Amino acid sequence: MSIDISVLIPTHNRAEGLAETLRAMAMLDLSDLSVRFVVINNNSTDHTEAIVQSFVNCLPIRYRFEPRPGKSCALNGALDEEPLGDIVVFVDDDVSPCRDWLQAIRRACQRWPDHKVFGGKVLSWWPDGQPPAWWASATQHGTWTLGGHDPGNQPGPYRPGLKPMGANTWICRDVLVATRRFDESVGPCGQVTRIMGQDGVFINGLIRDGYEPIYCPDAVVYHRIQHEKVTPRGLRRRVWSQGRGGPHYGEPCHQSLLVRHLTLWHLLRVGALGWAAARYLLAMVHWSSGRRLGESLPALGDIAYNLECLRIGRKLRRQVMRNPAYSSGL
């Protein structure tokens, strides 16, 4: 029997959180749908496999082990080797969908038959039921930092500057040609220092190829935020990882300037780095702990962003030095 929807769930050492996600999946309305859930164990050392096996009698579920570390490796392995449905859904192991989530996904594809890339709403589920006290000071940066995605209640093409978020994204299978895969140099990779943004890199590639994404507010999932992510240390670590991802899913390095005017490009990046560092230091001396945290996050992200720009710039420059013809492709 053909599969209407494949739901891909990569996971790493989050067995208990995965169990909560699968319990929510088991409550979904699957009427008139052929669905297969694929849990991709990305080299976990906990009891992830046992958790998945405990759901085989209540969910149409497949278990897959991916030994190569990295979320992008886990997803690419599934895209390469798993039988996929007409609609391929990407979701995280720490979300709880609304009961009609998959029905809303199917309705969106039926309503927009000429489109292939879609995103739904991601709402925050706080560990203590409500935002922490510092949230009011950090909202500008915090929503993005903690994985929220709520562009409103109007369906249709995404506004400029916005695109689907990996925790609730789906695409039509026919766009998944062999060359369209996740960048394995970007994304969560176990306990290794992370460069986040593999979803953005993937979606940006589809957009460049002419696939306009559609926002579907009726397809809702709740992102269950872990306690450790709302500590100052957890937030700064996450912002650092996201800042490093910025040069990969955007165009921050001004590559043509890098090749033609290396000194000027380097000075601009160093100047931006210095300005970000100064903002961070000023934020850290604020008397209010909430303001201190809220104002330091954007500056910390900019520090990570510019350091990653400089790292990528050095790499690109070495490639140009070895092969001057390389610059024509930048």
C-alpha atoms as a PDB file:
ATOM      1  CA  MET A   1       0.000   0.000   0.000  1.00  0.00           C
ATOM      2  CA  SER A   2       1.334   3.426  -0.904  1.00  0.00           C
ATOM      3  CA  ILE A   3       2.176   5.813   1.908  1.00  0.00           C
ATOM      4  CA  ASP A   4       0.499   9.210   2.046  1.00  0.00           C
ATOM      5  CA  ILE A   5       2.767  10.746   4.703  1.00  0.00           C
ATOM      6  CA  SER A   6       6.190   9.844   6.107  1.00  0.00           C
ATOM      7  CA  VAL A   7       7.100  11.516   9.402  1.00  0.00           C
ATOM      8  CA  LEU A   8      10.867  11.587  10.038  1.00  0.00           C
ATOM      9  CA  ILE A   9      11.931  11.961  13.692  1.00  0.00           C
ATOM     10  CA  PRO A  10      15.718  12.081  14.298  1.00  0.00           C
ATOM     11  CA  THR A  11      16.758  11.645  17.907  1.00  0.00           C
ATOM     12  CA  HIS A  12      19.885  11.478  20.041  1.00  0.00           C
ATOM     13  CA  ASN A  13      19.928  10.404  23.703  1.00  0.00           C
ATOM     14  CA  ARG A  14      16.456  11.731  24.498  1.00  0.00           C
ATOM     15  CA  ALA A  15      14.629   8.483  25.160  1.00  0.00           C
ATOM     16  CA  GLU A  16      12.151   9.854  27.687  1.00  0.00           C
ATOM     17  CA  GLY A  17      11.396  12.961  25.657  1.00  0.00           C
ATOM     18  CA  LEU A  18      10.977  10.798  22.568  1.00  0.00           C
ATOM     19  CA  ALA A  19       8.475   8.654  24.456  1.00  0.00           C
ATOM     20  CA  GLU A  20       6.389  11.751  25.191  1.00  0.00           C
ATOM     21  CA  THR A  21       6.521  12.737  21.524  1.00  0.00           C
ATOM     22  CA  LEU A  22       5.426   9.271  20.406  1.00  0.00           C
ATOM     23  CA  ARG A  23       2.571   9.261  22.928  1.00  0.00           C
ATOM     24  CA  ALA A  24       1.349  12.501  21.330  1.00  0.00           C
ATOM     25  CA  MET A  25       1.744  10.957  17.865  1.00  0.00           C
ATOM     26  CA  ALA A  26      -0.359   7.990  18.962  1.00  0.00           C
ATOM     27  CA  MET A  27      -3.240  10.403  19.695  1.00  0.00           C
ATOM     28  CA  LEU A  28      -3.251  11.885  16.173  1.00  0.00           C
ATOM     29  CA  ASP A  29      -6.244  11.635  13.880  1.00  0.00           C
ATOM     30  CA  LEU A  30      -5.022   9.254  11.159  1.00  0.00           C
ATOM     31  CA  SER A  31      -8.413   8.565   9.594  1.00  0.00           C
ATOM     32  CA  ASP A  32      -8.195   8.035   5.817  1.00  0.00           C
ATOM     33  CA  LEU A  33      -4.422   8.463   5.952  1.00  0.00           C
ATOM     34  CA  SER A  34      -1.621   5.996   5.308  1.00  0.00           C
ATOM     35  CA  VAL A  35       1.167   7.197   7.611  1.00  0.00           C
ATOM     36  CA  ARG A  36       4.559   5.842   8.557  1.00  0.00           C
ATOM     37  CA  PHE A  37       6.612   7.274  11.416  1.00  0.00           C
ATOM     38  CA  VAL A  38      10.361   6.742  11.048  1.00  0.00           C
ATOM     39  CA  VAL A  39      12.428   7.246  14.194  1.00  0.00           C
ATOM     40  CA  ILE A  40      16.109   7.669  13.358  1.00  0.00           C
ATOM     41  CA  ASN A  41      18.347   6.818  16.301  1.00  0.00           C
ATOM     42  CA  ASN A  42      21.433   8.948  15.722  1.00  0.00           C
ATOM     43  CA  ASN A  43      23.996   6.835  17.571  1.00  0.00           C
ATOM     44  CA  SER A  44      22.288   7.147  20.957  1.00  0.00           C
ATOM     45  CA  THR A  45      23.696   5.384  24.008  1.00  0.00           C
ATOM     46  CA  ASP A  46      20.445   5.326  25.999  1.00  0.00           C
ATOM     47  CA  HIS A  47      17.350   3.086  25.645  1.00  0.00           C
ATOM     48  CA  THR A  48      15.951   4.809  22.543  1.00  0.00           C
ATOM     49  CA  GLU A  49      15.425   1.525  20.678  1.00  0.00           C
ATOM     50  CA  ALA A  50      13.406   0.036  23.540  1.00  0.00           C
ATOM     51  CA  ILE A  51      11.200   3.140  23.622  1.00  0.00           C
ATOM     52  CA  VAL A  52      10.478   2.861  19.901  1.00  0.00           C
ATOM     53  CA  GLN A  53       9.728  -0.859  20.148  1.00  0.00           C
ATOM     54  CA  SER A  54       7.214  -0.170  22.901  1.00  0.00           C
ATOM     55  CA  PHE A  55       5.094   1.775  20.393  1.00  0.00           C
ATOM     56  CA  VAL A  56       4.977  -0.755  17.549  1.00  0.00           C
ATOM     57  CA  ASN A  57       1.486  -1.908  18.523  1.00  0.00           C
ATOM     58  CA  CYS A  58      -0.075   1.560  18.603  1.00  0.00           C
ATOM     59  CA  LEU A  59       1.772   3.411  15.831  1.00  0.00           C
ATOM     60  CA  PRO A  60       2.799   2.543  12.250  1.00  0.00           C
ATOM     61  CA  ILE A  61       6.429   3.021  13.180  1.00  0.00           C
ATOM     62  CA  ARG A  62       9.851   2.052  11.837  1.00  0.00           C
ATOM     63  CA  TYR A  63      13.097   2.123  13.773  1.00  0.00           C
ATOM     64  CA  ARG A  64      16.323   3.099  12.034  1.00  0.00           C
ATOM     65  CA  PHE A  65      19.839   3.334  13.471  1.00  0.00           C
ATOM     66  CA  GLU A  66      22.282   5.857  12.006  1.00  0.00           C
ATOM     67  CA  PRO A  67      25.829   5.429  13.353  1.00  0.00           C
ATOM     68  CA  ARG A  68      27.231   8.599  11.761  1.00  0.00           C
ATOM     69  CA  PRO A  69      26.903  11.440  14.292  1.00  0.00           C
ATOM     70  CA  GLY A  70      24.835  14.455  13.259  1.00  0.00           C
ATOM     71  CA  LYS A  71      21.190  15.241  12.691  1.00  0.00           C
ATOM     72  CA  SER A  72      21.864  15.954   9.020  1.00  0.00           C
ATOM     73  CA  CYS A  73      23.463  12.502   8.613  1.00  0.00           C
ATOM     74  CA  ALA A  74      20.427  10.908  10.255  1.00  0.00           C
ATOM     75  CA  LEU A  75      17.994  12.657   7.930  1.00  0.00           C
ATOM     76  CA  ASN A  76      20.061  12.015   4.804  1.00  0.00           C
ATOM     77  CA  GLY A  77      20.281   8.320   5.594  1.00  0.00           C
ATOM     78  CA  ALA A  78      16.506   8.116   5.870  1.00  0.00           C
ATOM     79  CA  LEU A  79      15.964  10.118   2.671  1.00  0.00           C
ATOM     80  CA  ASP A  80      18.360   7.841   0.808  1.00  0.00           C
ATOM     81  CA  GLU A  81      17.128   4.473   2.031  1.00  0.00           C
ATOM     82  CA  GLU A  82      13.611   4.620   3.477  1.00  0.00           C
ATOM     83  CA  PRO A  83      10.451   4.206   1.357  1.00  0.00           C
ATOM     84  CA  LEU A  84       8.886   7.644   1.516  1.00  0.00           C
ATOM     85  CA  GLY A  85       5.299   8.830   1.294  1.00  0.00           C
ATOM     86  CA  ASP A  86       3.947  11.452  -1.063  1.00  0.00           C
ATOM     87  CA  ILE A  87       4.460  14.008   1.726  1.00  0.00           C
ATOM     88  CA  VAL A  88       7.656  13.959   3.813  1.00  0.00           C
ATOM     89  CA  VAL A  89       7.348  15.636   7.218  1.00  0.00           C
ATOM     90  CA  PHE A  90      10.364  16.728   9.294  1.00  0.00           C
ATOM     91  CA  VAL A  91       9.774  17.039  13.021  1.00  0.00           C
ATOM     92  CA  ASP A  92      11.899  17.047  16.183  1.00  0.00           C
ATOM     93  CA  ASP A  93      11.870  14.601  19.083  1.00  0.00           C
ATOM     94  CA  ASP A  94      10.731  17.239  21.586  1.00  0.00           C
ATOM     95  CA  VAL A  95       7.414  18.328  20.072  1.00  0.00           C
ATOM     96  CA  SER A  96       3.783  17.443  20.744  1.00  0.00           C
ATOM     97  CA  PRO A  97       1.449  17.945  17.759  1.00  0.00           C
ATOM     98  CA  CYS A  98      -2.211  18.892  17.916  1.00  0.00           C
ATOM     99  CA  ARG A  99      -4.579  16.004  17.182  1.00  0.00           C
ATOM    100  CA  ASP A 100      -5.420  17.151  13.629  1.00  0.00           C
ATOM    101  CA  TRP A 101      -1.807  18.005  12.720  1.00  0.00           C
ATOM    102  CA  LEU A 102      -1.434  15.498   9.880  1.00  0.00           C
ATOM    103  CA  GLN A 103      -4.944  16.205   8.600  1.00  0.00           C
ATOM    104  CA  ALA A 104      -4.026  19.897   8.412  1.00  0.00           C
ATOM    105  CA  ILE A 105      -0.852  18.986   6.533  1.00  0.00           C
ATOM    106  CA  ARG A 106      -2.836  17.022   3.964  1.00  0.00           C
ATOM    107  CA  ARG A 107      -5.398  19.830   3.602  1.00  0.00           C
ATOM    108  CA  ALA A 108      -2.598  22.334   2.974  1.00  0.00           C
ATOM    109  CA  CYS A 109      -1.126  20.217   0.185  1.00  0.00           C
ATOM    110  CA  GLN A 110      -4.566  19.848  -1.372  1.00  0.00           C
ATOM    111  CA  ARG A 111      -5.272  23.577  -1.118  1.00  0.00           C
ATOM    112  CA  TRP A 112      -1.908  24.563  -2.656  1.00  0.00           C
ATOM    113  CA  PRO A 113      -1.315  21.804  -5.249  1.00  0.00           C
ATOM    114  CA  ASP A 114       1.226  23.841  -7.211  1.00  0.00           C
ATOM    115  CA  HIS A 115       3.512  24.260  -4.164  1.00  0.00           C
ATOM    116  CA  LYS A 116       5.961  21.744  -2.739  1.00  0.00           C
ATOM    117  CA  VAL A 117       7.380  23.265   0.451  1.00  0.00           C
ATOM    118  CA  PHE A 118       5.331  24.023   3.582  1.00  0.00           C
ATOM    119  CA  GLY A 119       5.728  25.070   7.199  1.00  0.00           C
ATOM    120  CA  GLY A 120       3.411  25.056  10.177  1.00  0.00           C
ATOM    121  CA  LYS A 121       3.178  26.853  13.498  1.00  0.00           C
ATOM    122  CA  VAL A 122       5.522  26.018  16.395  1.00  0.00           C
ATOM    123  CA  LEU A 123       4.376  27.189  19.828  1.00  0.00           C
ATOM    124  CA  SER A 124       6.433  27.081  23.024  1.00  0.00           C
ATOM    125  CA  TRP A 125       5.527  24.697  25.845  1.00  0.00           C
ATOM    126  CA  TRP A 126       7.288  26.015  28.925  1.00  0.00           C
ATOM    127  CA  PRO A 127       8.689  23.583  31.520  1.00  0.00           C
ATOM    128  CA  ASP A 128       6.762  25.251  34.363  1.00  0.00           C
ATOM    129  CA  GLY A 129       3.685  26.161  32.341  1.00  0.00           C
ATOM    130  CA  GLN A 130       4.630  29.805  31.823  1.00  0.00           C
ATOM    131  CA  PRO A 131       7.587  31.856  30.576  1.00  0.00           C
ATOM    132  CA  PRO A 132      10.367  32.598  33.101  1.00  0.00           C
ATOM    133  CA  ALA A 133      10.675  36.073  34.550  1.00  0.00           C
ATOM    134  CA  TRP A 134      13.407  37.169  32.141  1.00  0.00           C
ATOM    135  CA  TRP A 135      11.265  36.409  29.061  1.00  0.00           C
ATOM    136  CA  ALA A 136       9.837  39.930  28.792  1.00  0.00           C
ATOM    137  CA  SER A 137      13.371  41.303  28.375  1.00  0.00           C
ATOM    138  CA  ALA A 138      14.479  38.625  25.903  1.00  0.00           C
ATOM    139  CA  THR A 139      11.421  38.217  23.687  1.00  0.00           C
ATOM    140  CA  GLN A 140      12.979  39.955  20.686  1.00  0.00           C
ATOM    141  CA  HIS A 141      15.725  37.361  20.491  1.00  0.00           C
ATOM    142  CA  GLY A 142      14.291  34.599  22.642  1.00  0.00           C
ATOM    143  CA  THR A 143      11.467  33.417  20.387  1.00  0.00           C
ATOM    144  CA  TRP A 144      13.953  32.536  17.677  1.00  0.00           C
ATOM    145  CA  THR A 145      16.444  31.170  20.200  1.00  0.00           C
ATOM    146  CA  LEU A 146      13.984  28.706  21.710  1.00  0.00           C
ATOM    147  CA  GLY A 147      12.514  27.484  18.447  1.00  0.00           C
ATOM    148  CA  GLY A 148       9.201  29.325  18.280  1.00  0.00           C
ATOM    149  CA  HIS A 149       7.587  29.965  14.905  1.00  0.00           C
ATOM    150  CA  ASP A 150       4.320  31.890  14.797  1.00  0.00           C
ATOM    151  CA  PRO A 151       3.984  34.260  11.799  1.00  0.00           C
ATOM    152  CA  GLY A 152       0.265  34.672  12.517  1.00  0.00           C
ATOM    153  CA  ASN A 153      -2.982  33.024  11.487  1.00  0.00           C
ATOM    154  CA  GLN A 154      -3.111  33.920   7.787  1.00  0.00           C
ATOM    155  CA  PRO A 155      -2.174  31.027   5.483  1.00  0.00           C
ATOM    156  CA  GLY A 156      -0.294  31.610   2.277  1.00  0.00           C
ATOM    157  CA  PRO A 157       3.204  32.346   0.954  1.00  0.00           C
ATOM    158  CA  TYR A 158       5.740  33.294   3.597  1.00  0.00           C
ATOM    159  CA  ARG A 159       6.531  36.956   4.021  1.00  0.00           C
ATOM    160  CA  PRO A 160      10.009  38.046   2.857  1.00  0.00           C
ATOM    161  CA  GLY A 161      12.639  37.087   5.397  1.00  0.00           C
ATOM    162  CA  LEU A 162      10.611  34.205   6.844  1.00  0.00           C
ATOM    163  CA  LYS A 163      10.696  30.504   6.015  1.00  0.00           C
ATOM    164  CA  PRO A 164       9.563  27.216   7.577  1.00  0.00           C
ATOM    165  CA  MET A 165      11.195  25.950  10.758  1.00  0.00           C
ATOM    166  CA  GLY A 166      12.625  22.452  10.940  1.00  0.00           C
ATOM    167  CA  ALA A 167      10.471  21.372  13.876  1.00  0.00           C
ATOM    168  CA  ASN A 168       7.369  21.525  11.651  1.00  0.00           C
ATOM    169  CA  THR A 169       8.222  21.416   7.952  1.00  0.00           C
ATOM    170  CA  TRP A 170       6.985  19.208   5.130  1.00  0.00           C
ATOM    171  CA  ILE A 171       7.755  18.841   1.449  1.00  0.00           C
ATOM    172  CA  CYS A 172       6.408  16.837  -1.465  1.00  0.00           C
ATOM    173  CA  ARG A 173       8.492  13.767  -2.202  1.00  0.00           C
ATOM    174  CA  ASP A 174       9.023  14.601  -5.861  1.00  0.00           C
ATOM    175  CA  VAL A 175      11.371  17.502  -5.034  1.00  0.00           C
ATOM    176  CA  LEU A 176      13.765  15.141  -3.245  1.00  0.00           C
ATOM    177  CA  VAL A 177      16.107  14.436  -6.126  1.00  0.00           C
ATOM    178  CA  ALA A 178      19.412  12.852  -5.163  1.00  0.00           C
ATOM    179  CA  THR A 179      21.229  16.181  -4.959  1.00  0.00           C
ATOM    180  CA  ARG A 180      18.782  17.685  -2.445  1.00  0.00           C
ATOM    181  CA  ARG A 181      20.081  16.611   0.934  1.00  0.00           C
ATOM    182  CA  PHE A 182      21.000  18.232   4.252  1.00  0.00           C
ATOM    183  CA  ASP A 183      24.441  19.779   4.661  1.00  0.00           C
ATOM    184  CA  GLU A 184      26.268  17.360   6.958  1.00  0.00           C
ATOM    185  CA  SER A 185      28.749  20.019   8.102  1.00  0.00           C
ATOM    186  CA  VAL A 186      25.888  21.909   9.780  1.00  0.00           C
ATOM    187  CA  GLY A 187      23.460  20.876  12.504  1.00  0.00           C
ATOM    188  CA  PRO A 188      23.371  19.222  15.937  1.00  0.00           C
ATOM    189  CA  CYS A 189      26.063  16.572  16.292  1.00  0.00           C
ATOM    190  CA  GLY A 190      25.912  14.873  19.696  1.00  0.00           C
ATOM    191  CA  GLN A 191      27.928  16.681  22.341  1.00  0.00           C
ATOM    192  CA  VAL A 192      30.269  18.258  19.791  1.00  0.00           C
ATOM    193  CA  THR A 193      30.196  22.048  19.454  1.00  0.00           C
ATOM    194  CA  ARG A 194      27.195  22.611  17.268  1.00  0.00           C
ATOM    195  CA  ILE A 195      26.608  24.800  14.247  1.00  0.00           C
ATOM    196  CA  MET A 196      22.847  25.043  14.012  1.00  0.00           C
ATOM    197  CA  GLY A 197      20.916  25.849  10.869  1.00  0.00           C
ATOM    198  CA  GLN A 198      20.810  22.694   8.746  1.00  0.00           C
ATOM    199  CA  ASP A 199      17.072  23.203   8.197  1.00  0.00           C
ATOM    200  CA  GLY A 200      17.597  26.774   6.990  1.00  0.00           C
ATOM    201  CA  VAL A 201      20.351  25.699   4.588  1.00  0.00           C
ATOM    202  CA  PHE A 202      18.084  22.978   3.163  1.00  0.00           C
ATOM    203  CA  ILE A 203      15.043  25.244   2.787  1.00  0.00           C
ATOM    204  CA  ASN A 204      17.129  28.045   1.279  1.00  0.00           C
ATOM    205  CA  GLY A 205      18.334  25.625  -1.375  1.00  0.00           C
ATOM    206  CA  LEU A 206      14.734  24.783  -2.289  1.00  0.00           C
ATOM    207  CA  ILE A 207      13.812  28.475  -2.409  1.00  0.00           C
ATOM    208  CA  ARG A 208      16.759  29.217  -4.710  1.00  0.00           C
ATOM    209  CA  ASP A 209      15.500  26.436  -6.962  1.00  0.00           C
ATOM    210  CA  GLY A 210      12.158  28.228  -7.278  1.00  0.00           C
ATOM    211  CA  TYR A 211      10.024  26.477  -4.647  1.00  0.00           C
ATOM    212  CA  GLU A 212       8.042  29.137  -2.788  1.00  0.00           C
ATOM    213  CA  PRO A 213       7.185  27.954   0.757  1.00  0.00           C
ATOM    214  CA  ILE A 214       3.635  28.152   2.087  1.00  0.00           C
ATOM    215  CA  TYR A 215       2.769  28.900   5.711  1.00  0.00           C
ATOM    216  CA  CYS A 216      -0.041  26.799   7.206  1.00  0.00           C
ATOM    217  CA  PRO A 217      -1.089  28.020  10.673  1.00  0.00           C
ATOM    218  CA  ASP A 218      -3.576  25.174  11.209  1.00  0.00           C
ATOM    219  CA  ALA A 219      -0.758  22.605  11.400  1.00  0.00           C
ATOM    220  CA  VAL A 220       0.391  23.204  14.979  1.00  0.00           C
ATOM    221  CA  VAL A 221       3.026  21.543  17.134  1.00  0.00           C
ATOM    222  CA  TYR A 222       4.166  22.493  20.631  1.00  0.00           C
ATOM    223  CA  HIS A 223       7.883  22.636  21.292  1.00  0.00           C
ATOM    224  CA  ARG A 224       8.505  21.241  24.774  1.00  0.00           C
ATOM    225  CA  ILE A 225      11.330  23.381  26.124  1.00  0.00           C
ATOM    226  CA  GLN A 226      13.683  21.524  28.459  1.00  0.00           C
ATOM    227  CA  HIS A 227      14.633  23.090  31.784  1.00  0.00           C
ATOM    228  CA  GLU A 228      18.311  23.266  30.854  1.00  0.00           C
ATOM    229  CA  LYS A 229      17.528  25.382  27.798  1.00  0.00           C
ATOM    230  CA  VAL A 230      16.043  28.230  29.833  1.00  0.00           C
ATOM    231  CA  THR A 231      19.028  28.595  32.159  1.00  0.00           C
ATOM    232  CA  PRO A 232      21.440  31.422  31.318  1.00  0.00           C
ATOM    233  CA  ARG A 233      24.096  28.873  30.370  1.00  0.00           C
ATOM    234  CA  GLY A 234      21.704  26.890  28.199  1.00  0.00           C
ATOM    235  CA  LEU A 235      20.458  29.993  26.403  1.00  0.00           C
ATOM    236  CA  ARG A 236      23.937  31.313  25.710  1.00  0.00           C
ATOM    237  CA  ARG A 237      25.061  27.952  24.397  1.00  0.00           C
ATOM    238  CA  ARG A 238      22.090  27.781  22.055  1.00  0.00           C
ATOM    239  CA  VAL A 239      22.534  31.369  20.839  1.00  0.00           C
ATOM    240  CA  TRP A 240      26.205  30.664  20.182  1.00  0.00           C
ATOM    241  CA  SER A 241      25.318  27.624  18.066  1.00  0.00           C
ATOM    242  CA  GLN A 242      22.694  29.570  16.129  1.00  0.00           C
ATOM    243  CA  GLY A 243      25.047  32.485  15.582  1.00  0.00           C
ATOM    244  CA  ARG A 244      27.604  30.126  14.082  1.00  0.00           C
ATOM    245  CA  GLY A 245      24.901  28.785  11.780  1.00  0.00           C
ATOM    246  CA  GLY A 246      24.053  32.232  10.380  1.00  0.00           C
ATOM    247  CA  PRO A 247      26.805  32.346   7.731  1.00  0.00           C
ATOM    248  CA  HIS A 248      25.702  28.949   6.434  1.00  0.00           C
ATOM    249  CA  TYR A 249      22.017  29.645   5.784  1.00  0.00           C
ATOM    250  CA  GLY A 250      22.405  33.309   4.853  1.00  0.00           C
ATOM    251  CA  GLU A 251      24.832  35.279   2.728  1.00  0.00           C
ATOM    252  CA  PRO A 252      26.914  37.017   5.370  1.00  0.00           C
ATOM    253  CA  CYS A 253      30.386  36.698   4.017  1.00  0.00           C
ATOM    254  CA  HIS A 254      29.947  38.917   0.939  1.00  0.00           C
ATOM    255  CA  GLN A 255      31.957  36.366  -0.998  1.00  0.00           C
ATOM    256  CA  SER A 256      32.605  38.559  -4.026  1.00  0.00           C
ATOM    257  CA  LEU A 257      34.121  41.218  -1.743  1.00  0.00           C
ATOM    258  CA  LEU A 258      36.112  38.517   0.034  1.00  0.00           C
ATOM    259  CA  VAL A 259      37.750  37.403  -3.216  1.00  0.00           C
ATOM    260  CA  ARG A 260      38.320  40.840  -4.741  1.00  0.00           C
ATOM    261  CA  HIS A 261      39.163  42.918  -1.653  1.00  0.00           C
ATOM    262  CA  LEU A 262      40.337  40.570   1.078  1.00  0.00           C
ATOM    263  CA  THR A 263      41.776  43.264   3.329  1.00  0.00           C
ATOM    264  CA  LEU A 264      38.623  45.386   3.236  1.00  0.00           C
ATOM    265  CA  TRP A 265      36.414  42.353   3.808  1.00  0.00           C
ATOM    266  CA  HIS A 266      38.536  41.266   6.764  1.00  0.00           C
ATOM    267  CA  LEU A 267      38.463  44.741   8.304  1.00  0.00           C
ATOM    268  CA  LEU A 268      34.663  44.887   8.010  1.00  0.00           C
ATOM    269  CA  ARG A 269      34.268  41.528   9.722  1.00  0.00           C
ATOM    270  CA  VAL A 270      36.750  42.352  12.480  1.00  0.00           C
ATOM    271  CA  GLY A 271      35.012  45.683  13.045  1.00  0.00           C
ATOM    272  CA  ALA A 272      31.629  43.973  13.307  1.00  0.00           C
ATOM    273  CA  LEU A 273      33.134  41.461  15.717  1.00  0.00           C
ATOM    274  CA  GLY A 274      34.577  44.217  17.891  1.00  0.00           C
ATOM    275  CA  TRP A 275      31.255  46.087  17.978  1.00  0.00           C
ATOM    276  CA  ALA A 276      29.416  42.913  18.982  1.00  0.00           C
ATOM    277  CA  ALA A 277      31.948  42.236  21.741  1.00  0.00           C
ATOM    278  CA  ALA A 278      31.543  45.779  23.085  1.00  0.00           C
ATOM    279  CA  ARG A 279      27.738  45.384  23.147  1.00  0.00           C
ATOM    280  CA  TYR A 280      28.102  42.101  25.000  1.00  0.00           C
ATOM    281  CA  LEU A 281      30.350  43.630  27.661  1.00  0.00           C
ATOM    282  CA  LEU A 282      27.975  46.563  28.131  1.00  0.00           C
ATOM    283  CA  ALA A 283      25.033  44.189  28.523  1.00  0.00           C
ATOM    284  CA  MET A 284      26.857  42.098  31.118  1.00  0.00           C
ATOM    285  CA  VAL A 285      27.313  45.046  33.490  1.00  0.00           C
ATOM    286  CA  HIS A 286      23.595  45.875  33.578  1.00  0.00           C
ATOM    287  CA  TRP A 287      22.171  45.905  37.111  1.00  0.00           C
ATOM    288  CA  SER A 288      19.107  43.810  36.183  1.00  0.00           C
ATOM    289  CA  SER A 289      19.777  40.101  35.631  1.00  0.00           C
ATOM    290  CA  GLY A 290      16.837  39.865  33.219  1.00  0.00           C
ATOM    291  CA  ARG A 291      18.019  42.805  31.123  1.00  0.00           C
ATOM    292  CA  ARG A 292      21.581  41.522  31.345  1.00  0.00           C
ATOM    293  CA  LEU A 293      20.547  38.193  29.860  1.00  0.00           C
ATOM    294  CA  GLY A 294      18.095  39.612  27.322  1.00  0.00           C
ATOM    295  CA  GLU A 295      20.493  42.226  25.938  1.00  0.00           C
ATOM    296  CA  SER A 296      23.535  39.972  25.909  1.00  0.00           C
ATOM    297  CA  LEU A 297      21.947  37.267  23.741  1.00  0.00           C
ATOM    298  CA  PRO A 298      21.851  39.218  20.433  1.00  0.00           C
ATOM    299  CA  ALA A 299      25.403  40.447  20.984  1.00  0.00           C
ATOM    300  CA  LEU A 300      26.639  36.929  21.734  1.00  0.00           C
ATOM    301  CA  GLY A 301      24.960  35.638  18.602  1.00  0.00           C
ATOM    302  CA  ASP A 302      26.670  38.360  16.556  1.00  0.00           C
ATOM    303  CA  ILE A 303      30.061  37.437  18.037  1.00  0.00           C
ATOM    304  CA  ALA A 304      29.587  33.811  17.022  1.00  0.00           C
ATOM    305  CA  TYR A 305      28.281  34.879  13.609  1.00  0.00           C
ATOM    306  CA  ASN A 306      31.294  37.021  12.792  1.00  0.00           C
ATOM    307  CA  LEU A 307      33.807  34.492  14.086  1.00  0.00           C
ATOM    308  CA  GLU A 308      32.224  31.866  11.833  1.00  0.00           C
ATOM    309  CA  CYS A 309      32.324  34.345   8.930  1.00  0.00           C
ATOM    310  CA  LEU A 310      36.059  34.763   9.467  1.00  0.00           C
ATOM    311  CA  ARG A 311      36.579  30.997   9.651  1.00  0.00           C
ATOM    312  CA  ILE A 312      34.646  30.448   6.405  1.00  0.00           C
ATOM    313  CA  GLY A 313      36.441  33.390   4.793  1.00  0.00           C
ATOM    314  CA  ARG A 314      39.848  31.873   5.526  1.00  0.00           C
ATOM    315  CA  LYS A 315      38.715  28.566   4.055  1.00  0.00           C
ATOM    316  CA  LEU A 316      37.349  30.202   0.897  1.00  0.00           C
ATOM    317  CA  ARG A 317      40.462  32.285   0.484  1.00  0.00           C
ATOM    318  CA  ARG A 318      42.662  29.164   0.651  1.00  0.00           C
ATOM    319  CA  GLN A 319      40.525  27.580  -2.054  1.00  0.00           C
ATOM    320  CA  VAL A 320      40.935  30.644  -4.249  1.00  0.00           C
ATOM    321  CA  MET A 321      44.698  30.684  -3.689  1.00  0.00           C
ATOM    322  CA  ARG A 322      44.915  27.044  -4.779  1.00  0.00           C
ATOM    323  CA  ASN A 323      42.555  27.538  -7.726  1.00  0.00           C
ATOM    324  CA  PRO A 324      41.981  31.129  -8.944  1.00  0.00           C
ATOM    325  CA  ALA A 325      39.188  29.920 -11.240  1.00  0.00           C
ATOM    326  CA  TYR A 326      37.199  29.101  -8.100  1.00  0.00           C
ATOM    327  CA  SER A 327      36.483  32.804  -7.592  1.00  0.00           C
ATOM    328  CA  SER A 328      34.293  32.878 -10.702  1.00  0.00           C
ATOM    329  CA  GLY A 329      31.761  30.700  -8.920  1.00  0.00           C
ATOM    330  CA  LEU A 330      31.504  32.967  -5.867  1.00  0.00           C
END
